[in-house]
Amino acid sequence: MTAPITVAVGAATDTGRRRAINEDALLASAPVFLVADGMGGHDAGEVASRMAVAAFADLVGRDHLTVDEVREAVEAARRRIDAFSSSRETGAGTTLSGVVIVDVRGAGYWLALNIGDSRTYRLAGDRLEQISVDHSLVQELVDSGRLAEADAEHDPRRNVITRALGAGSSERVDFWMLPASRGDRLLICSDGLPREVGRDQIAAILSAEDDPQTAASRLVEAAVARGGRDNVSVIVVDAVHVAWHDGDTGTRDIDADTRPREPVGGRRA
């Protein structure tokens, strides 16, 4: 069976200049592309992030997954992290963001998922579009009109997240579908990248480098060079070939359960 989306992938991660350990974890092997950013300190956050991506390890190597399989993996990760946290005096948790390849009646789609403030972007031409919506205090302030979007990246509260896997949170993960097209370039990253590197520079690097591994490495290097105040992890995924419906007219009937969440105030990040 031909995969609904054939990809080229690059991935890189770095502890940064100020952290003793790397609490990020990533999985970048078709059909799963995920970044997790752990919290809870040494031997807590790093375990939680690894548990999150490990829940998807048995799904690697498939042509595509189903929505139910992805949901089951997310809930398995949540259960493992909650069990781990309950055995400790201090809690552990993690963000999780990325995409999974799915098949919709013979066509290739990205199933995007997100909880926390790691991010998934899509490069459209030279424009970098954030697909995911941050689950953070700062994003809620932006959505409610109490904080200007231009000030969000520098607000001292930007590290306060409102949803996570573990860390005492039972909030849901956002899921939504994106029809894939040949030439799609997706960026998945922990917040250590946008904290140091502006959106325009990220877009410029992604546009300048054809090879996804080179692009991923350059983005991580740029974040570390600009201060590296946090761990930074990056996955770059290129759609090399995408299957389409026979006679596709451009109309996509998407399960309403996988549409994007409408944020407070009706605006998207």
C-alpha atoms as a PDB file:
ATOM      1  CA  MET A   1       0.000   0.000   0.000  1.00  0.00           C
ATOM      2  CA  THR A   2       1.287   3.455  -0.915  1.00  0.00           C
ATOM      3  CA  ALA A   3       1.535   5.889   1.969  1.00  0.00           C
ATOM      4  CA  PRO A   4      -0.954   8.777   1.683  1.00  0.00           C
ATOM      5  CA  ILE A   5       1.917  11.198   2.320  1.00  0.00           C
ATOM      6  CA  THR A   6       5.574  10.517   1.537  1.00  0.00           C
ATOM      7  CA  VAL A   7       7.874  12.763   3.545  1.00  0.00           C
ATOM      8  CA  ALA A   8      11.433  13.972   3.980  1.00  0.00           C
ATOM      9  CA  VAL A   9      12.274  14.812   7.588  1.00  0.00           C
ATOM     10  CA  GLY A  10      14.934  16.589   9.608  1.00  0.00           C
ATOM     11  CA  ALA A  11      15.209  16.860  13.397  1.00  0.00           C
ATOM     12  CA  ALA A  12      17.555  18.482  15.898  1.00  0.00           C
ATOM     13  CA  THR A  13      17.629  19.221  19.610  1.00  0.00           C
ATOM     14  CA  ASP A  14      19.955  21.003  22.031  1.00  0.00           C
ATOM     15  CA  THR A  15      20.054  21.503  25.793  1.00  0.00           C
ATOM     16  CA  GLY A  16      20.837  25.193  25.313  1.00  0.00           C
ATOM     17  CA  ARG A  17      23.243  27.340  27.281  1.00  0.00           C
ATOM     18  CA  ARG A  18      21.496  27.612  30.642  1.00  0.00           C
ATOM     19  CA  ARG A  19      19.858  24.258  31.369  1.00  0.00           C
ATOM     20  CA  ALA A  20      21.728  21.319  32.854  1.00  0.00           C
ATOM     21  CA  ILE A  21      19.564  18.700  31.151  1.00  0.00           C
ATOM     22  CA  ASN A  22      17.367  18.457  28.081  1.00  0.00           C
ATOM     23  CA  GLU A  23      13.722  17.963  29.118  1.00  0.00           C
ATOM     24  CA  ASP A  24      12.563  17.942  25.476  1.00  0.00           C
ATOM     25  CA  ALA A  25      11.834  14.719  23.613  1.00  0.00           C
ATOM     26  CA  LEU A  26      10.939  14.197  19.980  1.00  0.00           C
ATOM     27  CA  LEU A  27       9.745  11.504  17.630  1.00  0.00           C
ATOM     28  CA  ALA A  28      10.343  12.138  13.929  1.00  0.00           C
ATOM     29  CA  SER A  29       9.632   8.936  12.048  1.00  0.00           C
ATOM     30  CA  ALA A  30       6.706   8.420   9.677  1.00  0.00           C
ATOM     31  CA  PRO A  31       3.854   8.541  10.282  1.00  0.00           C
ATOM     32  CA  VAL A  32       4.463  10.365  13.602  1.00  0.00           C
ATOM     33  CA  PHE A  33       6.166  13.747  14.118  1.00  0.00           C
ATOM     34  CA  LEU A  34       5.950  15.046  17.694  1.00  0.00           C
ATOM     35  CA  VAL A  35       7.804  17.328  20.098  1.00  0.00           C
ATOM     36  CA  ALA A  36       7.271  17.200  23.873  1.00  0.00           C
ATOM     37  CA  ASP A  37       8.647  19.701  26.388  1.00  0.00           C
ATOM     38  CA  GLY A  38       8.722  18.337  29.931  1.00  0.00           C
ATOM     39  CA  MET A  39       8.238  20.196  33.184  1.00  0.00           C
ATOM     40  CA  GLY A  40       8.914  19.324  36.785  1.00  0.00           C
ATOM     41  CA  GLY A  41      12.668  19.500  37.008  1.00  0.00           C
ATOM     42  CA  HIS A  42      15.394  16.876  36.743  1.00  0.00           C
ATOM     43  CA  ASP A  43      14.142  13.288  36.630  1.00  0.00           C
ATOM     44  CA  ALA A  44      10.564  14.521  36.209  1.00  0.00           C
ATOM     45  CA  GLY A  45      10.102  16.671  33.124  1.00  0.00           C
ATOM     46  CA  GLU A  46      12.516  14.641  31.050  1.00  0.00           C
ATOM     47  CA  VAL A  47      10.707  11.433  32.031  1.00  0.00           C
ATOM     48  CA  ALA A  48       7.286  12.896  31.265  1.00  0.00           C
ATOM     49  CA  SER A  49       8.305  14.111  27.803  1.00  0.00           C
ATOM     50  CA  ARG A  50       9.867  10.762  26.962  1.00  0.00           C
ATOM     51  CA  MET A  51       6.757   8.941  28.152  1.00  0.00           C
ATOM     52  CA  ALA A  52       4.627  11.125  25.882  1.00  0.00           C
ATOM     53  CA  VAL A  53       6.515  10.281  22.701  1.00  0.00           C
ATOM     54  CA  ALA A  54       7.125   6.655  23.754  1.00  0.00           C
ATOM     55  CA  ALA A  55       3.367   6.087  23.727  1.00  0.00           C
ATOM     56  CA  PHE A  56       3.534   6.486  19.936  1.00  0.00           C
ATOM     57  CA  ALA A  57       6.638   4.340  19.358  1.00  0.00           C
ATOM     58  CA  ASP A  58       4.734   1.192  18.408  1.00  0.00           C
ATOM     59  CA  LEU A  59       2.907   3.142  15.677  1.00  0.00           C
ATOM     60  CA  VAL A  60       6.072   4.087  13.797  1.00  0.00           C
ATOM     61  CA  GLY A  61       6.567   2.411  10.429  1.00  0.00           C
ATOM     62  CA  ARG A  62       2.917   2.359   9.431  1.00  0.00           C
ATOM     63  CA  ASP A  63       1.723   4.059   6.235  1.00  0.00           C
ATOM     64  CA  HIS A  64      -0.812   6.061   8.222  1.00  0.00           C
ATOM     65  CA  LEU A  65      -2.810   6.034  11.442  1.00  0.00           C
ATOM     66  CA  THR A  66      -6.441   6.538  12.363  1.00  0.00           C
ATOM     67  CA  VAL A  67      -7.795   9.299  14.568  1.00  0.00           C
ATOM     68  CA  ASP A  68      -8.806   6.719  17.175  1.00  0.00           C
ATOM     69  CA  GLU A  69      -5.292   5.265  17.286  1.00  0.00           C
ATOM     70  CA  VAL A  70      -3.834   8.709  17.904  1.00  0.00           C
ATOM     71  CA  ARG A  71      -6.355   9.478  20.631  1.00  0.00           C
ATOM     72  CA  GLU A  72      -5.605   6.142  22.305  1.00  0.00           C
ATOM     73  CA  ALA A  73      -1.854   6.875  22.247  1.00  0.00           C
ATOM     74  CA  VAL A  74      -2.429  10.296  23.804  1.00  0.00           C
ATOM     75  CA  GLU A  75      -4.542   8.841  26.590  1.00  0.00           C
ATOM     76  CA  ALA A  76      -1.989   6.080  27.183  1.00  0.00           C
ATOM     77  CA  ALA A  77       0.672   8.774  27.562  1.00  0.00           C
ATOM     78  CA  ARG A  78      -1.530  10.681  30.000  1.00  0.00           C
ATOM     79  CA  ARG A  79      -2.114   7.595  32.143  1.00  0.00           C
ATOM     80  CA  ARG A  80       1.597   6.774  32.296  1.00  0.00           C
ATOM     81  CA  ILE A  81       2.558  10.321  33.217  1.00  0.00           C
ATOM     82  CA  ASP A  82      -0.181  10.584  35.852  1.00  0.00           C
ATOM     83  CA  ALA A  83       0.941   7.294  37.404  1.00  0.00           C
ATOM     84  CA  PHE A  84       4.542   8.485  37.434  1.00  0.00           C
ATOM     85  CA  SER A  85       3.558  11.837  38.979  1.00  0.00           C
ATOM     86  CA  SER A  86       1.501  10.183  41.717  1.00  0.00           C
ATOM     87  CA  SER A  87       4.609   8.347  42.926  1.00  0.00           C
ATOM     88  CA  ARG A  88       6.556  11.587  43.428  1.00  0.00           C
ATOM     89  CA  GLU A  89       6.433  14.509  45.842  1.00  0.00           C
ATOM     90  CA  THR A  90       6.659  16.924  42.906  1.00  0.00           C
ATOM     91  CA  GLY A  91       4.475  16.523  39.851  1.00  0.00           C
ATOM     92  CA  ALA A  92       5.625  15.947  36.293  1.00  0.00           C
ATOM     93  CA  GLY A  93       4.050  16.996  33.037  1.00  0.00           C
ATOM     94  CA  THR A  94       4.750  17.773  29.423  1.00  0.00           C
ATOM     95  CA  THR A  95       3.511  19.614  26.382  1.00  0.00           C
ATOM     96  CA  LEU A  96       2.920  17.694  23.168  1.00  0.00           C
ATOM     97  CA  SER A  97       2.593  19.095  19.663  1.00  0.00           C
ATOM     98  CA  GLY A  98       2.928  17.824  16.121  1.00  0.00           C
ATOM     99  CA  VAL A  99       1.299  15.986  13.243  1.00  0.00           C
ATOM    100  CA  VAL A 100       0.464  12.424  12.276  1.00  0.00           C
ATOM    101  CA  ILE A 101      -0.202  11.139   8.754  1.00  0.00           C
ATOM    102  CA  VAL A 102      -3.756   9.927   8.225  1.00  0.00           C
ATOM    103  CA  ASP A 103      -5.783   8.707   5.271  1.00  0.00           C
ATOM    104  CA  VAL A 104      -9.186  10.212   4.492  1.00  0.00           C
ATOM    105  CA  ARG A 105     -10.892   8.115   1.801  1.00  0.00           C
ATOM    106  CA  GLY A 106      -7.621   7.648  -0.052  1.00  0.00           C
ATOM    107  CA  ALA A 107      -6.297  11.197   0.375  1.00  0.00           C
ATOM    108  CA  GLY A 108      -3.376  12.315   2.522  1.00  0.00           C
ATOM    109  CA  TYR A 109      -4.114  14.497   5.522  1.00  0.00           C
ATOM    110  CA  TRP A 110      -2.161  15.790   8.492  1.00  0.00           C
ATOM    111  CA  LEU A 111      -3.808  15.143  11.837  1.00  0.00           C
ATOM    112  CA  ALA A 112      -2.419  17.899  14.036  1.00  0.00           C
ATOM    113  CA  LEU A 113      -2.492  17.673  17.820  1.00  0.00           C
ATOM    114  CA  ASN A 114      -1.485  20.046  20.553  1.00  0.00           C
ATOM    115  CA  ILE A 115      -1.518  20.532  24.298  1.00  0.00           C
ATOM    116  CA  GLY A 116       0.621  23.182  25.990  1.00  0.00           C
ATOM    117  CA  ASP A 117       2.843  25.732  24.287  1.00  0.00           C
ATOM    118  CA  SER A 118       5.048  23.712  21.975  1.00  0.00           C
ATOM    119  CA  ARG A 119       4.086  24.694  18.451  1.00  0.00           C
ATOM    120  CA  THR A 120       3.265  23.448  14.977  1.00  0.00           C
ATOM    121  CA  TYR A 121       3.679  25.786  11.997  1.00  0.00           C
ATOM    122  CA  ARG A 122       3.193  25.525   8.238  1.00  0.00           C
ATOM    123  CA  LEU A 123       5.279  27.453   5.725  1.00  0.00           C
ATOM    124  CA  ALA A 124       3.010  28.839   2.986  1.00  0.00           C
ATOM    125  CA  GLY A 125       5.158  30.556   0.363  1.00  0.00           C
ATOM    126  CA  ASP A 126       7.399  32.769   2.468  1.00  0.00           C
ATOM    127  CA  ARG A 127       4.783  33.137   5.217  1.00  0.00           C
ATOM    128  CA  LEU A 128       4.995  31.132   8.421  1.00  0.00           C
ATOM    129  CA  GLU A 129       1.550  30.268   9.766  1.00  0.00           C
ATOM    130  CA  GLN A 130       1.127  28.969  13.310  1.00  0.00           C
ATOM    131  CA  ILE A 131      -1.288  26.056  13.116  1.00  0.00           C
ATOM    132  CA  SER A 132      -1.490  25.203  16.802  1.00  0.00           C
ATOM    133  CA  VAL A 133      -3.000  27.454  19.450  1.00  0.00           C
ATOM    134  CA  ASP A 134      -0.880  27.913  22.582  1.00  0.00           C
ATOM    135  CA  HIS A 135      -2.431  26.742  25.827  1.00  0.00           C
ATOM    136  CA  SER A 136      -0.812  29.452  27.883  1.00  0.00           C
ATOM    137  CA  LEU A 137      -1.737  32.355  30.129  1.00  0.00           C
ATOM    138  CA  VAL A 138      -0.254  34.804  27.638  1.00  0.00           C
ATOM    139  CA  GLN A 139      -2.326  33.379  24.772  1.00  0.00           C
ATOM    140  CA  GLU A 140      -5.488  33.672  26.841  1.00  0.00           C
ATOM    141  CA  LEU A 141      -4.634  37.311  27.545  1.00  0.00           C
ATOM    142  CA  VAL A 142      -4.080  37.935  23.833  1.00  0.00           C
ATOM    143  CA  ASP A 143      -7.334  36.193  22.902  1.00  0.00           C
ATOM    144  CA  SER A 144      -9.293  38.252  25.438  1.00  0.00           C
ATOM    145  CA  GLY A 145      -7.753  41.520  24.206  1.00  0.00           C
ATOM    146  CA  ARG A 146      -5.887  42.221  27.436  1.00  0.00           C
ATOM    147  CA  LEU A 147      -2.427  41.818  25.874  1.00  0.00           C
ATOM    148  CA  ALA A 148      -1.185  42.934  22.468  1.00  0.00           C
ATOM    149  CA  GLU A 149       0.042  40.073  20.283  1.00  0.00           C
ATOM    150  CA  ALA A 150       3.248  42.015  19.587  1.00  0.00           C
ATOM    151  CA  ASP A 151       4.021  41.970  23.322  1.00  0.00           C
ATOM    152  CA  ALA A 152       3.237  38.295  23.899  1.00  0.00           C
ATOM    153  CA  GLU A 153       6.660  36.850  23.017  1.00  0.00           C
ATOM    154  CA  HIS A 154       8.365  39.085  25.594  1.00  0.00           C
ATOM    155  CA  ASP A 155       5.805  38.939  28.394  1.00  0.00           C
ATOM    156  CA  PRO A 156       7.320  37.546  31.632  1.00  0.00           C
ATOM    157  CA  ARG A 157       4.291  35.242  32.043  1.00  0.00           C
ATOM    158  CA  ARG A 158       4.888  33.468  28.726  1.00  0.00           C
ATOM    159  CA  ASN A 159       6.140  30.284  30.443  1.00  0.00           C
ATOM    160  CA  VAL A 160       2.858  29.731  32.325  1.00  0.00           C
ATOM    161  CA  ILE A 161       0.857  27.066  30.484  1.00  0.00           C
ATOM    162  CA  THR A 162      -2.791  26.238  31.062  1.00  0.00           C
ATOM    163  CA  ARG A 163      -2.897  22.672  29.715  1.00  0.00           C
ATOM    164  CA  ALA A 164      -0.464  19.769  29.821  1.00  0.00           C
ATOM    165  CA  LEU A 165      -0.241  16.008  29.900  1.00  0.00           C
ATOM    166  CA  GLY A 166       0.223  15.368  33.603  1.00  0.00           C
ATOM    167  CA  ALA A 167       1.091  18.182  36.035  1.00  0.00           C
ATOM    168  CA  GLY A 168      -2.371  17.838  37.548  1.00  0.00           C
ATOM    169  CA  SER A 169      -4.105  18.807  34.301  1.00  0.00           C
ATOM    170  CA  SER A 170      -7.029  16.834  32.900  1.00  0.00           C
ATOM    171  CA  GLU A 171      -7.672  19.233  30.014  1.00  0.00           C
ATOM    172  CA  ARG A 172      -8.188  17.851  26.537  1.00  0.00           C
ATOM    173  CA  VAL A 173      -5.730  17.778  23.673  1.00  0.00           C
ATOM    174  CA  ASP A 174      -6.721  19.768  20.581  1.00  0.00           C
ATOM    175  CA  PHE A 175      -7.042  17.758  17.351  1.00  0.00           C
ATOM    176  CA  TRP A 176      -7.769  18.973  13.853  1.00  0.00           C
ATOM    177  CA  MET A 177      -7.316  17.920  10.234  1.00  0.00           C
ATOM    178  CA  LEU A 178      -5.321  19.633   7.499  1.00  0.00           C
ATOM    179  CA  PRO A 179      -5.464  18.501   3.863  1.00  0.00           C
ATOM    180  CA  ALA A 180      -1.893  17.873   2.726  1.00  0.00           C
ATOM    181  CA  SER A 181      -0.368  19.177  -0.486  1.00  0.00           C
ATOM    182  CA  ARG A 182       2.870  18.313  -2.199  1.00  0.00           C
ATOM    183  CA  GLY A 183       5.456  20.863  -1.111  1.00  0.00           C
ATOM    184  CA  ASP A 184       4.012  21.376   2.377  1.00  0.00           C
ATOM    185  CA  ARG A 185       6.722  22.229   4.891  1.00  0.00           C
ATOM    186  CA  LEU A 186       5.745  21.824   8.531  1.00  0.00           C
ATOM    187  CA  LEU A 187       7.741  22.968  11.545  1.00  0.00           C
ATOM    188  CA  ILE A 188       7.219  21.432  14.976  1.00  0.00           C
ATOM    189  CA  CYS A 189       9.168  22.908  17.880  1.00  0.00           C
ATOM    190  CA  SER A 190       9.415  23.408  21.601  1.00  0.00           C
ATOM    191  CA  ASP A 191       9.073  26.971  22.884  1.00  0.00           C
ATOM    192  CA  GLY A 192      12.856  27.279  23.081  1.00  0.00           C
ATOM    193  CA  LEU A 193      12.842  28.181  19.372  1.00  0.00           C
ATOM    194  CA  PRO A 194      10.319  31.067  19.193  1.00  0.00           C
ATOM    195  CA  ARG A 195      11.588  32.366  22.525  1.00  0.00           C
ATOM    196  CA  GLU A 196      14.918  33.184  20.866  1.00  0.00           C
ATOM    197  CA  VAL A 197      14.249  33.439  17.131  1.00  0.00           C
ATOM    198  CA  GLY A 198      11.668  35.748  15.585  1.00  0.00           C
ATOM    199  CA  ARG A 199       9.039  34.478  13.180  1.00  0.00           C
ATOM    200  CA  ASP A 200      10.557  36.301  10.200  1.00  0.00           C
ATOM    201  CA  GLN A 201      13.965  34.717  10.773  1.00  0.00           C
ATOM    202  CA  ILE A 202      12.426  31.275  11.255  1.00  0.00           C
ATOM    203  CA  ALA A 203      10.587  31.698   7.955  1.00  0.00           C
ATOM    204  CA  ALA A 204      13.758  32.906   6.243  1.00  0.00           C
ATOM    205  CA  ILE A 205      15.749  29.850   7.344  1.00  0.00           C
ATOM    206  CA  LEU A 206      12.964  27.476   6.338  1.00  0.00           C
ATOM    207  CA  SER A 207      12.720  29.172   2.932  1.00  0.00           C
ATOM    208  CA  ALA A 208      16.471  29.236   2.343  1.00  0.00           C
ATOM    209  CA  GLU A 209      17.251  25.591   3.106  1.00  0.00           C
ATOM    210  CA  ASP A 210      15.864  22.918   0.806  1.00  0.00           C
ATOM    211  CA  ASP A 211      17.086  20.032   2.950  1.00  0.00           C
ATOM    212  CA  PRO A 212      14.866  19.538   6.035  1.00  0.00           C
ATOM    213  CA  GLN A 213      17.752  18.283   8.188  1.00  0.00           C
ATOM    214  CA  THR A 214      19.849  21.340   7.366  1.00  0.00           C
ATOM    215  CA  ALA A 215      16.868  23.591   8.107  1.00  0.00           C
ATOM    216  CA  ALA A 216      16.229  21.905  11.465  1.00  0.00           C
ATOM    217  CA  SER A 217      19.895  22.128  12.476  1.00  0.00           C
ATOM    218  CA  ARG A 218      20.153  25.784  11.465  1.00  0.00           C
ATOM    219  CA  LEU A 219      17.064  26.699  13.481  1.00  0.00           C
ATOM    220  CA  VAL A 220      18.423  25.035  16.615  1.00  0.00           C
ATOM    221  CA  GLU A 221      21.811  26.680  16.101  1.00  0.00           C
ATOM    222  CA  ALA A 222      20.128  30.074  15.728  1.00  0.00           C
ATOM    223  CA  ALA A 223      18.215  29.635  18.997  1.00  0.00           C
ATOM    224  CA  VAL A 224      21.359  28.655  20.894  1.00  0.00           C
ATOM    225  CA  ALA A 225      23.368  31.499  19.353  1.00  0.00           C
ATOM    226  CA  ARG A 226      20.740  34.025  20.445  1.00  0.00           C
ATOM    227  CA  GLY A 227      20.960  32.966  24.086  1.00  0.00           C
ATOM    228  CA  GLY A 228      19.750  29.377  24.350  1.00  0.00           C
ATOM    229  CA  ARG A 229      17.857  30.113  27.558  1.00  0.00           C
ATOM    230  CA  ASP A 230      15.806  26.943  27.222  1.00  0.00           C
ATOM    231  CA  ASN A 231      16.057  23.528  25.624  1.00  0.00           C
ATOM    232  CA  VAL A 232      15.218  23.732  21.933  1.00  0.00           C
ATOM    233  CA  SER A 233      13.885  20.973  19.685  1.00  0.00           C
ATOM    234  CA  VAL A 234      12.866  21.206  16.036  1.00  0.00           C
ATOM    235  CA  ILE A 235      11.324  18.863  13.464  1.00  0.00           C
ATOM    236  CA  VAL A 236      10.955  19.900   9.813  1.00  0.00           C
ATOM    237  CA  VAL A 237       8.632  17.740   7.702  1.00  0.00           C
ATOM    238  CA  ASP A 238       8.331  18.085   3.909  1.00  0.00           C
ATOM    239  CA  ALA A 239       5.520  16.491   1.905  1.00  0.00           C
ATOM    240  CA  VAL A 240       7.265  14.946  -1.111  1.00  0.00           C
ATOM    241  CA  HIS A 241       4.219  13.117  -2.486  1.00  0.00           C
ATOM    242  CA  VAL A 242       0.550  13.310  -1.480  1.00  0.00           C
ATOM    243  CA  ALA A 243      -2.287  10.999  -2.515  1.00  0.00           C
ATOM    244  CA  TRP A 244      -5.558  12.621  -3.571  1.00  0.00           C
ATOM    245  CA  HIS A 245      -9.146  11.496  -4.019  1.00  0.00           C
ATOM    246  CA  ASP A 246     -10.041  10.366  -7.523  1.00  0.00           C
ATOM    247  CA  GLY A 247     -12.016  13.197  -9.062  1.00  0.00           C
ATOM    248  CA  ASP A 248     -11.364  15.471  -6.079  1.00  0.00           C
ATOM    249  CA  THR A 249     -13.151  18.776  -6.548  1.00  0.00           C
ATOM    250  CA  GLY A 250     -11.453  20.519  -3.651  1.00  0.00           C
ATOM    251  CA  THR A 251     -14.326  19.966  -1.209  1.00  0.00           C
ATOM    252  CA  ARG A 252     -13.263  18.321   2.045  1.00  0.00           C
ATOM    253  CA  ASP A 253     -15.803  16.849   4.461  1.00  0.00           C
ATOM    254  CA  ILE A 254     -13.950  16.840   7.769  1.00  0.00           C
ATOM    255  CA  ASP A 255     -15.219  15.219  10.939  1.00  0.00           C
ATOM    256  CA  ALA A 256     -16.393  18.116  13.103  1.00  0.00           C
ATOM    257  CA  ASP A 257     -14.626  16.540  16.068  1.00  0.00           C
ATOM    258  CA  THR A 258     -11.265  17.272  14.479  1.00  0.00           C
ATOM    259  CA  ARG A 259     -11.791  20.932  13.618  1.00  0.00           C
ATOM    260  CA  PRO A 260      -9.652  23.631  15.265  1.00  0.00           C
ATOM    261  CA  ARG A 261     -10.705  24.993  18.610  1.00  0.00           C
ATOM    262  CA  GLU A 262     -12.112  28.523  18.379  1.00  0.00           C
ATOM    263  CA  PRO A 263     -10.137  30.556  20.909  1.00  0.00           C
ATOM    264  CA  VAL A 264     -11.631  33.147  23.241  1.00  0.00           C
ATOM    265  CA  GLY A 265     -12.360  36.320  21.316  1.00  0.00           C
ATOM    266  CA  GLY A 266     -12.679  34.525  17.975  1.00  0.00           C
ATOM    267  CA  ARG A 267      -9.074  35.095  16.918  1.00  0.00           C
ATOM    268  CA  ARG A 268      -6.352  32.666  15.954  1.00  0.00           C
ATOM    269  CA  ALA A 269      -2.741  32.866  17.020  1.00  0.00           C
END
